[in-house]
Full PDB file with SEQRES, HELIX, SHEET, SSBOND, CRYST1, ORIGX, SCALE, CONECT and MASTER records, all heavy atoms in Angstrom:
SEQRES   1 A   35  GLU THR GLN THR THR SER PRO PRO MET ASP ILE VAL TRP          
SEQRES   2 A   35  PHE LYS LEU PRO PRO LEU ALA HIS ARG ARG GLY PRO ASP          
SEQRES   3 A   35  GLY GLY GLY GLY ARG ALA ARG ASN VAL                          
HELIX    1 AA1 ALA A   32  ASN A   34  5                                   3    
CRYST1    1.000    1.000    1.000  90.00  90.00  90.00 P 1           1          
ORIGX1      1.000000  0.000000  0.000000        0.00000                         
ORIGX2      0.000000  1.000000  0.000000        0.00000                         
ORIGX3      0.000000  0.000000  1.000000        0.00000                         
SCALE1      1.000000  0.000000  0.000000        0.00000                         
SCALE2      0.000000  1.000000  0.000000        0.00000                         
SCALE3      0.000000  0.000000  1.000000        0.00000                         
ATOM      1  N   GLU A   1     105.612 154.120 146.107  1.00  0.00           N  
ATOM      2  CA  GLU A   1     106.605 153.486 146.983  1.00  0.00           C  
ATOM      3  C   GLU A   1     107.116 152.195 146.342  1.00  0.00           C  
ATOM      4  O   GLU A   1     106.373 151.460 145.689  1.00  0.00           O  
ATOM      5  CB  GLU A   1     105.980 153.156 148.343  1.00  0.00           C  
ATOM      6  CG  GLU A   1     105.632 154.380 149.165  1.00  0.00           C  
ATOM      7  CD  GLU A   1     105.086 154.014 150.529  1.00  0.00           C  
ATOM      8  OE1 GLU A   1     105.042 152.802 150.840  1.00  0.00           O  
ATOM      9  OE2 GLU A   1     104.717 154.927 151.266  1.00  0.00           O  
ATOM     10  N   THR A   2     108.421 151.919 146.547  1.00  0.00           N  
ATOM     11  CA  THR A   2     109.012 150.691 146.033  1.00  0.00           C  
ATOM     12  C   THR A   2     108.701 149.549 146.988  1.00  0.00           C  
ATOM     13  O   THR A   2     108.912 149.656 148.191  1.00  0.00           O  
ATOM     14  CB  THR A   2     110.529 150.841 145.878  1.00  0.00           C  
ATOM     15  OG1 THR A   2     110.801 151.935 145.017  1.00  0.00           O  
ATOM     16  CG2 THR A   2     111.146 149.578 145.315  1.00  0.00           C  
ATOM     17  N   GLN A   3     108.178 148.459 146.435  1.00  0.00           N  
ATOM     18  CA  GLN A   3     107.864 147.296 147.241  1.00  0.00           C  
ATOM     19  C   GLN A   3     108.712 146.118 146.782  1.00  0.00           C  
ATOM     20  O   GLN A   3     108.873 145.887 145.582  1.00  0.00           O  
ATOM     21  CB  GLN A   3     106.379 146.942 147.117  1.00  0.00           C  
ATOM     22  CG  GLN A   3     105.458 148.035 147.657  1.00  0.00           C  
ATOM     23  CD  GLN A   3     104.000 147.637 147.560  1.00  0.00           C  
ATOM     24  OE1 GLN A   3     103.669 146.581 147.032  1.00  0.00           O  
ATOM     25  NE2 GLN A   3     103.111 148.482 148.088  1.00  0.00           N  
ATOM     26  N   THR A   4     109.287 145.406 147.740  1.00  0.00           N  
ATOM     27  CA  THR A   4     110.088 144.226 147.424  1.00  0.00           C  
ATOM     28  C   THR A   4     109.163 143.057 147.120  1.00  0.00           C  
ATOM     29  O   THR A   4     108.228 142.777 147.875  1.00  0.00           O  
ATOM     30  CB  THR A   4     111.002 143.864 148.594  1.00  0.00           C  
ATOM     31  OG1 THR A   4     111.824 144.979 148.905  1.00  0.00           O  
ATOM     32  CG2 THR A   4     111.880 142.669 148.259  1.00  0.00           C  
ATOM     33  N   THR A   5     109.409 142.412 146.004  1.00  0.00           N  
ATOM     34  CA  THR A   5     108.566 141.284 145.614  1.00  0.00           C  
ATOM     35  C   THR A   5     109.416 140.029 145.502  1.00  0.00           C  
ATOM     36  O   THR A   5     110.611 140.075 145.247  1.00  0.00           O  
ATOM     37  CB  THR A   5     107.892 141.535 144.253  1.00  0.00           C  
ATOM     38  OG1 THR A   5     108.901 141.731 143.263  1.00  0.00           O  
ATOM     39  CG2 THR A   5     107.003 142.762 144.306  1.00  0.00           C  
ATOM     40  N   SER A   6     108.790 138.916 145.690  1.00  0.00           N  
ATOM     41  CA  SER A   6     109.457 137.627 145.528  1.00  0.00           C  
ATOM     42  C   SER A   6     108.478 136.684 144.848  1.00  0.00           C  
ATOM     43  O   SER A   6     107.345 136.520 145.320  1.00  0.00           O  
ATOM     44  CB  SER A   6     109.873 137.065 146.885  1.00  0.00           C  
ATOM     45  OG  SER A   6     110.528 135.826 146.724  1.00  0.00           O  
ATOM     46  N   PRO A   7     108.868 136.057 143.775  1.00  0.00           N  
ATOM     47  CA  PRO A   7     110.177 136.145 143.107  1.00  0.00           C  
ATOM     48  C   PRO A   7     110.385 137.537 142.483  1.00  0.00           C  
ATOM     49  O   PRO A   7     109.446 138.327 142.413  1.00  0.00           O  
ATOM     50  CB  PRO A   7     110.084 135.071 142.025  1.00  0.00           C  
ATOM     51  CG  PRO A   7     108.618 134.989 141.717  1.00  0.00           C  
ATOM     52  CD  PRO A   7     107.925 135.206 143.032  1.00  0.00           C  
ATOM     53  N   PRO A   8     111.638 137.812 142.017  1.00  0.00           N  
ATOM     54  CA  PRO A   8     111.932 139.119 141.408  1.00  0.00           C  
ATOM     55  C   PRO A   8     111.024 139.403 140.220  1.00  0.00           C  
ATOM     56  O   PRO A   8     110.563 138.490 139.528  1.00  0.00           O  
ATOM     57  CB  PRO A   8     113.395 138.969 140.962  1.00  0.00           C  
ATOM     58  CG  PRO A   8     113.940 137.901 141.847  1.00  0.00           C  
ATOM     59  CD  PRO A   8     112.806 136.945 142.084  1.00  0.00           C  
ATOM     60  N   MET A   9     110.807 140.684 139.970  1.00  0.00           N  
ATOM     61  CA  MET A   9     109.928 141.116 138.878  1.00  0.00           C  
ATOM     62  C   MET A   9     110.543 140.791 137.521  1.00  0.00           C  
ATOM     63  O   MET A   9     111.733 140.974 137.316  1.00  0.00           O  
ATOM     64  CB  MET A   9     109.683 142.632 138.981  1.00  0.00           C  
ATOM     65  CG  MET A   9     108.750 143.200 137.917  1.00  0.00           C  
ATOM     66  SD  MET A   9     108.605 145.000 138.028  1.00  0.00           S  
ATOM     67  CE  MET A   9     107.832 145.172 139.628  1.00  0.00           C  
ATOM     68  N   ASP A  10     109.745 140.257 136.644  1.00  0.00           N  
ATOM     69  CA  ASP A  10     110.189 140.047 135.269  1.00  0.00           C  
ATOM     70  C   ASP A  10     110.060 141.352 134.493  1.00  0.00           C  
ATOM     71  O   ASP A  10     109.176 142.166 134.765  1.00  0.00           O  
ATOM     72  CB  ASP A  10     109.338 138.975 134.571  1.00  0.00           C  
ATOM     73  CG  ASP A  10     109.611 137.590 135.143  1.00  0.00           C  
ATOM     74  OD1 ASP A  10     110.739 137.374 135.624  1.00  0.00           O  
ATOM     75  OD2 ASP A  10     108.700 136.757 135.099  1.00  0.00           O  
ATOM     76  N   ILE A  11     110.947 141.549 133.532  1.00  0.00           N  
ATOM     77  CA  ILE A  11     110.889 142.722 132.651  1.00  0.00           C  
ATOM     78  C   ILE A  11     110.515 142.246 131.256  1.00  0.00           C  
ATOM     79  O   ILE A  11     111.155 141.348 130.704  1.00  0.00           O  
ATOM     80  CB  ILE A  11     112.234 143.469 132.615  1.00  0.00           C  
ATOM     81  CG1 ILE A  11     112.604 143.945 134.029  1.00  0.00           C  
ATOM     82  CG2 ILE A  11     112.173 144.644 131.647  1.00  0.00           C  
ATOM     83  CD1 ILE A  11     113.959 144.600 134.101  1.00  0.00           C  
ATOM     84  N   VAL A  12     109.481 142.813 130.720  1.00  0.00           N  
ATOM     85  CA  VAL A  12     109.017 142.440 129.388  1.00  0.00           C  
ATOM     86  C   VAL A  12     109.553 143.460 128.391  1.00  0.00           C  
ATOM     87  O   VAL A  12     109.305 144.658 128.514  1.00  0.00           O  
ATOM     88  CB  VAL A  12     107.475 142.405 129.315  1.00  0.00           C  
ATOM     89  CG1 VAL A  12     107.018 142.035 127.906  1.00  0.00           C  
ATOM     90  CG2 VAL A  12     106.932 141.419 130.342  1.00  0.00           C  
ATOM     91  N   TRP A  13     110.323 142.993 127.397  1.00  0.00           N  
ATOM     92  CA  TRP A  13     110.858 143.869 126.357  1.00  0.00           C  
ATOM     93  C   TRP A  13     109.988 143.760 125.120  1.00  0.00           C  
ATOM     94  O   TRP A  13     109.546 142.684 124.746  1.00  0.00           O  
ATOM     95  CB  TRP A  13     112.296 143.461 125.998  1.00  0.00           C  
ATOM     96  CG  TRP A  13     113.264 143.702 127.108  1.00  0.00           C  
ATOM     97  CD1 TRP A  13     113.643 142.838 128.081  1.00  0.00           C  
ATOM     98  CD2 TRP A  13     113.962 144.914 127.367  1.00  0.00           C  
ATOM     99  NE1 TRP A  13     114.527 143.419 128.942  1.00  0.00           N  
ATOM    100  CE2 TRP A  13     114.753 144.690 128.529  1.00  0.00           C  
ATOM    101  CE3 TRP A  13     114.007 146.165 126.746  1.00  0.00           C  
ATOM    102  CZ2 TRP A  13     115.577 145.672 129.072  1.00  0.00           C  
ATOM    103  CZ3 TRP A  13     114.827 147.132 127.286  1.00  0.00           C  
ATOM    104  CH2 TRP A  13     115.597 146.890 128.436  1.00  0.00           C  
ATOM    105  N   PHE A  14     109.726 144.869 124.487  1.00  0.00           N  
ATOM    106  CA  PHE A  14     108.957 144.855 123.253  1.00  0.00           C  
ATOM    107  C   PHE A  14     109.375 146.049 122.411  1.00  0.00           C  
ATOM    108  O   PHE A  14     109.949 147.010 122.915  1.00  0.00           O  
ATOM    109  CB  PHE A  14     107.451 144.912 123.525  1.00  0.00           C  
ATOM    110  CG  PHE A  14     107.017 146.125 124.289  1.00  0.00           C  
ATOM    111  CD1 PHE A  14     106.548 147.248 123.638  1.00  0.00           C  
ATOM    112  CD2 PHE A  14     107.077 146.136 125.681  1.00  0.00           C  
ATOM    113  CE1 PHE A  14     106.156 148.369 124.340  1.00  0.00           C  
ATOM    114  CE2 PHE A  14     106.689 147.262 126.393  1.00  0.00           C  
ATOM    115  CZ  PHE A  14     106.220 148.385 125.728  1.00  0.00           C  
ATOM    116  N   LYS A  15     109.110 145.960 121.114  1.00  0.00           N  
ATOM    117  CA  LYS A  15     109.486 147.026 120.186  1.00  0.00           C  
ATOM    118  C   LYS A  15     108.307 147.962 119.959  1.00  0.00           C  
ATOM    119  O   LYS A  15     107.188 147.530 119.717  1.00  0.00           O  
ATOM    120  CB  LYS A  15     109.939 146.441 118.842  1.00  0.00           C  
ATOM    121  CG  LYS A  15     111.289 145.750 118.897  1.00  0.00           C  
ATOM    122  CD  LYS A  15     111.726 145.328 117.501  1.00  0.00           C  
ATOM    123  CE  LYS A  15     113.122 144.720 117.526  1.00  0.00           C  
ATOM    124  NZ  LYS A  15     113.565 144.336 116.157  1.00  0.00           N  
ATOM    125  N   LEU A  16     108.593 149.269 120.024  1.00  0.00           N  
ATOM    126  CA  LEU A  16     107.596 150.263 119.649  1.00  0.00           C  
ATOM    127  C   LEU A  16     107.628 150.431 118.132  1.00  0.00           C  
ATOM    128  O   LEU A  16     108.692 150.343 117.524  1.00  0.00           O  
ATOM    129  CB  LEU A  16     107.888 151.602 120.325  1.00  0.00           C  
ATOM    130  CG  LEU A  16     107.672 151.626 121.835  1.00  0.00           C  
ATOM    131  CD1 LEU A  16     108.290 152.879 122.430  1.00  0.00           C  
ATOM    132  CD2 LEU A  16     106.189 151.598 122.159  1.00  0.00           C  
ATOM    133  N   PRO A  17     106.471 150.660 117.519  1.00  0.00           N  
ATOM    134  CA  PRO A  17     106.460 150.809 116.056  1.00  0.00           C  
ATOM    135  C   PRO A  17     107.183 152.082 115.643  1.00  0.00           C  
ATOM    136  O   PRO A  17     107.323 153.017 116.430  1.00  0.00           O  
ATOM    137  CB  PRO A  17     104.964 150.892 115.727  1.00  0.00           C  
ATOM    138  CG  PRO A  17     104.336 151.418 116.974  1.00  0.00           C  
ATOM    139  CD  PRO A  17     105.142 150.842 118.107  1.00  0.00           C  
ATOM    140  N   PRO A  18     107.646 152.160 114.388  1.00  0.00           N  
ATOM    141  CA  PRO A  18     108.235 153.406 113.892  1.00  0.00           C  
ATOM    142  C   PRO A  18     107.195 154.513 113.891  1.00  0.00           C  
ATOM    143  O   PRO A  18     105.998 154.242 114.003  1.00  0.00           O  
ATOM    144  CB  PRO A  18     108.682 153.058 112.471  1.00  0.00           C  
ATOM    145  CG  PRO A  18     107.858 151.875 112.097  1.00  0.00           C  
ATOM    146  CD  PRO A  18     107.619 151.116 113.365  1.00  0.00           C  
ATOM    147  N   LEU A  19     107.646 155.747 113.765  1.00  0.00           N  
ATOM    148  CA  LEU A  19     106.760 156.903 113.878  1.00  0.00           C  
ATOM    149  C   LEU A  19     105.491 156.707 113.062  1.00  0.00           C  
ATOM    150  O   LEU A  19     105.515 156.657 111.847  1.00  0.00           O  
ATOM    151  CB  LEU A  19     107.488 158.165 113.417  1.00  0.00           C  
ATOM    152  CG  LEU A  19     108.712 158.517 114.265  1.00  0.00           C  
ATOM    153  CD1 LEU A  19     109.317 159.811 113.776  1.00  0.00           C  
ATOM    154  CD2 LEU A  19     108.350 158.622 115.725  1.00  0.00           C  
ATOM    155  N   ALA A  20     104.370 156.619 113.768  1.00  0.00           N  
ATOM    156  CA  ALA A  20     103.129 156.222 113.107  1.00  0.00           C  
ATOM    157  C   ALA A  20     102.603 157.274 112.154  1.00  0.00           C  
ATOM    158  O   ALA A  20     101.849 156.981 111.248  1.00  0.00           O  
ATOM    159  CB  ALA A  20     102.060 155.903 114.161  1.00  0.00           C  
ATOM    160  N   HIS A  21     103.009 158.549 112.364  1.00  0.00           N  
ATOM    161  CA  HIS A  21     102.465 159.575 111.484  1.00  0.00           C  
ATOM    162  C   HIS A  21     103.143 159.587 110.116  1.00  0.00           C  
ATOM    163  O   HIS A  21     102.731 160.305 109.230  1.00  0.00           O  
ATOM    164  CB  HIS A  21     102.571 160.959 112.136  1.00  0.00           C  
ATOM    165  CG  HIS A  21     103.970 161.466 112.261  1.00  0.00           C  
ATOM    166  ND1 HIS A  21     104.714 161.312 113.396  1.00  0.00           N  
ATOM    167  CD2 HIS A  21     104.769 162.118 111.371  1.00  0.00           C  
ATOM    168  CE1 HIS A  21     105.900 161.871 113.215  1.00  0.00           C  
ATOM    169  NE2 HIS A  21     105.953 162.366 112.005  1.00  0.00           N  
ATOM    170  N   ARG A  22     104.208 158.771 109.954  1.00  0.00           N  
ATOM    171  CA  ARG A  22     104.889 158.755 108.653  1.00  0.00           C  
ATOM    172  C   ARG A  22     104.076 158.005 107.606  1.00  0.00           C  
ATOM    173  O   ARG A  22     103.705 158.545 106.602  1.00  0.00           O  
ATOM    174  CB  ARG A  22     106.263 158.082 108.804  1.00  0.00           C  
ATOM    175  CG  ARG A  22     107.200 158.820 109.749  1.00  0.00           C  
ATOM    176  CD  ARG A  22     107.544 160.182 109.210  1.00  0.00           C  
ATOM    177  NE  ARG A  22     108.508 160.838 110.061  1.00  0.00           N  
ATOM    178  CZ  ARG A  22     108.904 162.086 109.931  1.00  0.00           C  
ATOM    179  NH1 ARG A  22     108.393 162.833 108.999  1.00  0.00           N  
ATOM    180  NH2 ARG A  22     109.785 162.604 110.747  1.00  0.00           N  
ATOM    181  N   ARG A  23     103.824 156.733 107.875  1.00  0.00           N  
ATOM    182  CA  ARG A  23     103.085 155.940 106.898  1.00  0.00           C  
ATOM    183  C   ARG A  23     102.261 154.876 107.614  1.00  0.00           C  
ATOM    184  O   ARG A  23     102.739 154.218 108.538  1.00  0.00           O  
ATOM    185  CB  ARG A  23     104.051 155.229 105.922  1.00  0.00           C  
ATOM    186  CG  ARG A  23     104.578 156.171 104.846  1.00  0.00           C  
ATOM    187  CD  ARG A  23     103.473 156.530 103.865  1.00  0.00           C  
ATOM    188  NE  ARG A  23     103.908 157.501 102.893  1.00  0.00           N  
ATOM    189  CZ  ARG A  23     103.700 158.798 102.975  1.00  0.00           C  
ATOM    190  NH1 ARG A  23     103.078 159.289 104.013  1.00  0.00           N  
ATOM    191  NH2 ARG A  23     104.107 159.617 102.030  1.00  0.00           N  
ATOM    192  N   GLY A  24     101.033 154.700 107.186  1.00  0.00           N  
ATOM    193  CA  GLY A  24     100.183 153.669 107.733  1.00  0.00           C  
ATOM    194  C   GLY A  24      99.952 152.590 106.708  1.00  0.00           C  
ATOM    195  O   GLY A  24     100.482 152.630 105.604  1.00  0.00           O  
ATOM    196  N   PRO A  25      99.124 151.607 107.034  1.00  0.00           N  
ATOM    197  CA  PRO A  25      98.891 150.497 106.119  1.00  0.00           C  
ATOM    198  C   PRO A  25      98.185 150.905 104.840  1.00  0.00           C  
ATOM    199  O   PRO A  25      98.265 150.207 103.833  1.00  0.00           O  
ATOM    200  CB  PRO A  25      98.000 149.547 106.957  1.00  0.00           C  
ATOM    201  CG  PRO A  25      97.398 150.418 108.020  1.00  0.00           C  
ATOM    202  CD  PRO A  25      98.421 151.461 108.305  1.00  0.00           C  
ATOM    203  N   ASP A  26      97.495 152.067 104.875  1.00  0.00           N  
ATOM    204  CA  ASP A  26      96.804 152.516 103.670  1.00  0.00           C  
ATOM    205  C   ASP A  26      97.670 153.442 102.836  1.00  0.00           C  
ATOM    206  O   ASP A  26      97.179 154.076 101.904  1.00  0.00           O  
ATOM    207  CB  ASP A  26      95.496 153.210 104.051  1.00  0.00           C  
ATOM    208  CG  ASP A  26      95.729 154.404 104.977  1.00  0.00           C  
ATOM    209  OD1 ASP A  26      96.886 154.634 105.386  1.00  0.00           O  
ATOM    210  OD2 ASP A  26      94.753 155.086 105.280  1.00  0.00           O  
ATOM    211  N   GLY A  27      98.970 153.567 103.191  1.00  0.00           N  
ATOM    212  CA  GLY A  27      99.856 154.440 102.440  1.00  0.00           C  
ATOM    213  C   GLY A  27      99.828 155.863 102.923  1.00  0.00           C  
ATOM    214  O   GLY A  27     100.549 156.715 102.435  1.00  0.00           O  
ATOM    215  N   GLY A  28      98.992 156.143 103.925  1.00  0.00           N  
ATOM    216  CA  GLY A  28      98.919 157.488 104.489  1.00  0.00           C  
ATOM    217  C   GLY A  28      99.529 157.498 105.865  1.00  0.00           C  
ATOM    218  O   GLY A  28     100.492 156.811 106.145  1.00  0.00           O  
ATOM    219  N   GLY A  29      98.953 158.278 106.767  1.00  0.00           N  
ATOM    220  CA  GLY A  29      99.535 158.446 108.080  1.00  0.00           C  
ATOM    221  C   GLY A  29      99.043 157.488 109.121  1.00  0.00           C  
ATOM    222  O   GLY A  29      99.360 157.639 110.290  1.00  0.00           O  
ATOM    223  N   GLY A  30      98.218 156.477 108.736  1.00  0.00           N  
ATOM    224  CA  GLY A  30      97.678 155.586 109.745  1.00  0.00           C  
ATOM    225  C   GLY A  30      96.653 156.317 110.593  1.00  0.00           C  
ATOM    226  O   GLY A  30      96.371 157.479 110.407  1.00  0.00           O  
ATOM    227  N   ARG A  31      96.077 155.638 111.573  1.00  0.00           N  
ATOM    228  CA  ARG A  31      95.126 156.302 112.449  1.00  0.00           C  
ATOM    229  C   ARG A  31      95.871 157.257 113.361  1.00  0.00           C  
ATOM    230  O   ARG A  31      97.010 157.018 113.742  1.00  0.00           O  
ATOM    231  CB  ARG A  31      94.365 155.279 113.309  1.00  0.00           C  
ATOM    232  CG  ARG A  31      93.618 154.236 112.503  1.00  0.00           C  
ATOM    233  CD  ARG A  31      92.770 154.850 111.419  1.00  0.00           C  
ATOM    234  NE  ARG A  31      91.731 155.721 111.941  1.00  0.00           N  
ATOM    235  CZ  ARG A  31      91.003 156.528 111.200  1.00  0.00           C  
ATOM    236  NH1 ARG A  31      91.208 156.594 109.902  1.00  0.00           N  
ATOM    237  NH2 ARG A  31      90.080 157.280 111.733  1.00  0.00           N  
ATOM    238  N   ALA A  32      95.228 158.328 113.729  1.00  0.00           N  
ATOM    239  CA  ALA A  32      95.899 159.382 114.489  1.00  0.00           C  
ATOM    240  C   ALA A  32      95.836 159.153 115.989  1.00  0.00           C  
ATOM    241  O   ALA A  32      96.166 160.035 116.747  1.00  0.00           O  
ATOM    242  CB  ALA A  32      95.284 160.733 114.155  1.00  0.00           C  
ATOM    243  N   ARG A  33      95.441 157.974 116.439  1.00  0.00           N  
ATOM    244  CA  ARG A  33      95.334 157.745 117.871  1.00  0.00           C  
ATOM    245  C   ARG A  33      96.696 157.780 118.555  1.00  0.00           C  
ATOM    246  O   ARG A  33      96.784 157.949 119.754  1.00  0.00           O  
ATOM    247  CB  ARG A  33      94.634 156.407 118.135  1.00  0.00           C  
ATOM    248  CG  ARG A  33      93.163 156.438 117.720  1.00  0.00           C  
ATOM    249  CD  ARG A  33      92.437 155.177 118.137  1.00  0.00           C  
ATOM    250  NE  ARG A  33      91.034 155.253 117.791  1.00  0.00           N  
ATOM    251  CZ  ARG A  33      90.104 155.842 118.532  1.00  0.00           C  
ATOM    252  NH1 ARG A  33      90.449 156.434 119.643  1.00  0.00           N  
ATOM    253  NH2 ARG A  33      88.844 155.869 118.155  1.00  0.00           N  
ATOM    254  N   ASN A  34      97.767 157.559 117.840  1.00  0.00           N  
ATOM    255  CA  ASN A  34      99.088 157.685 118.435  1.00  0.00           C  
ATOM    256  C   ASN A  34      99.886 158.807 117.792  1.00  0.00           C  
ATOM    257  O   ASN A  34     101.095 158.781 117.769  1.00  0.00           O  
ATOM    258  CB  ASN A  34      99.852 156.358 118.350  1.00  0.00           C  
ATOM    259  CG  ASN A  34      99.869 155.808 116.934  1.00  0.00           C  
ATOM    260  OD1 ASN A  34      99.275 156.371 116.038  1.00  0.00           O  
ATOM    261  ND2 ASN A  34     100.560 154.691 116.758  1.00  0.00           N  
ATOM    262  N   VAL A  35      99.173 159.800 117.233  1.00  0.00           N  
ATOM    263  CA  VAL A  35      99.804 160.998 116.692  1.00  0.00           C  
ATOM    264  C   VAL A  35      99.287 162.185 117.485  1.00  0.00           C  
ATOM    265  O   VAL A  35      98.087 162.366 117.632  1.00  0.00           O  
ATOM    266  CB  VAL A  35      99.475 161.183 115.197  1.00  0.00           C  
ATOM    267  CG1 VAL A  35     100.063 162.484 114.686  1.00  0.00           C  
ATOM    268  CG2 VAL A  35     100.015 160.010 114.394  1.00  0.00           C  
TER     269      VAL A  35                                                      
MASTER        0    0    0    1    0    0    0    6  268    1    0    3          
END                                                                             
């Protein structure tokens, strides 16, 4: 259910990383927890 809040809700913007299965920090696919 939608609830009215006061003060208005803040929206937090953030960037998602590029496709993690492409390349990880070790030059491979990175950890598979997000693949």
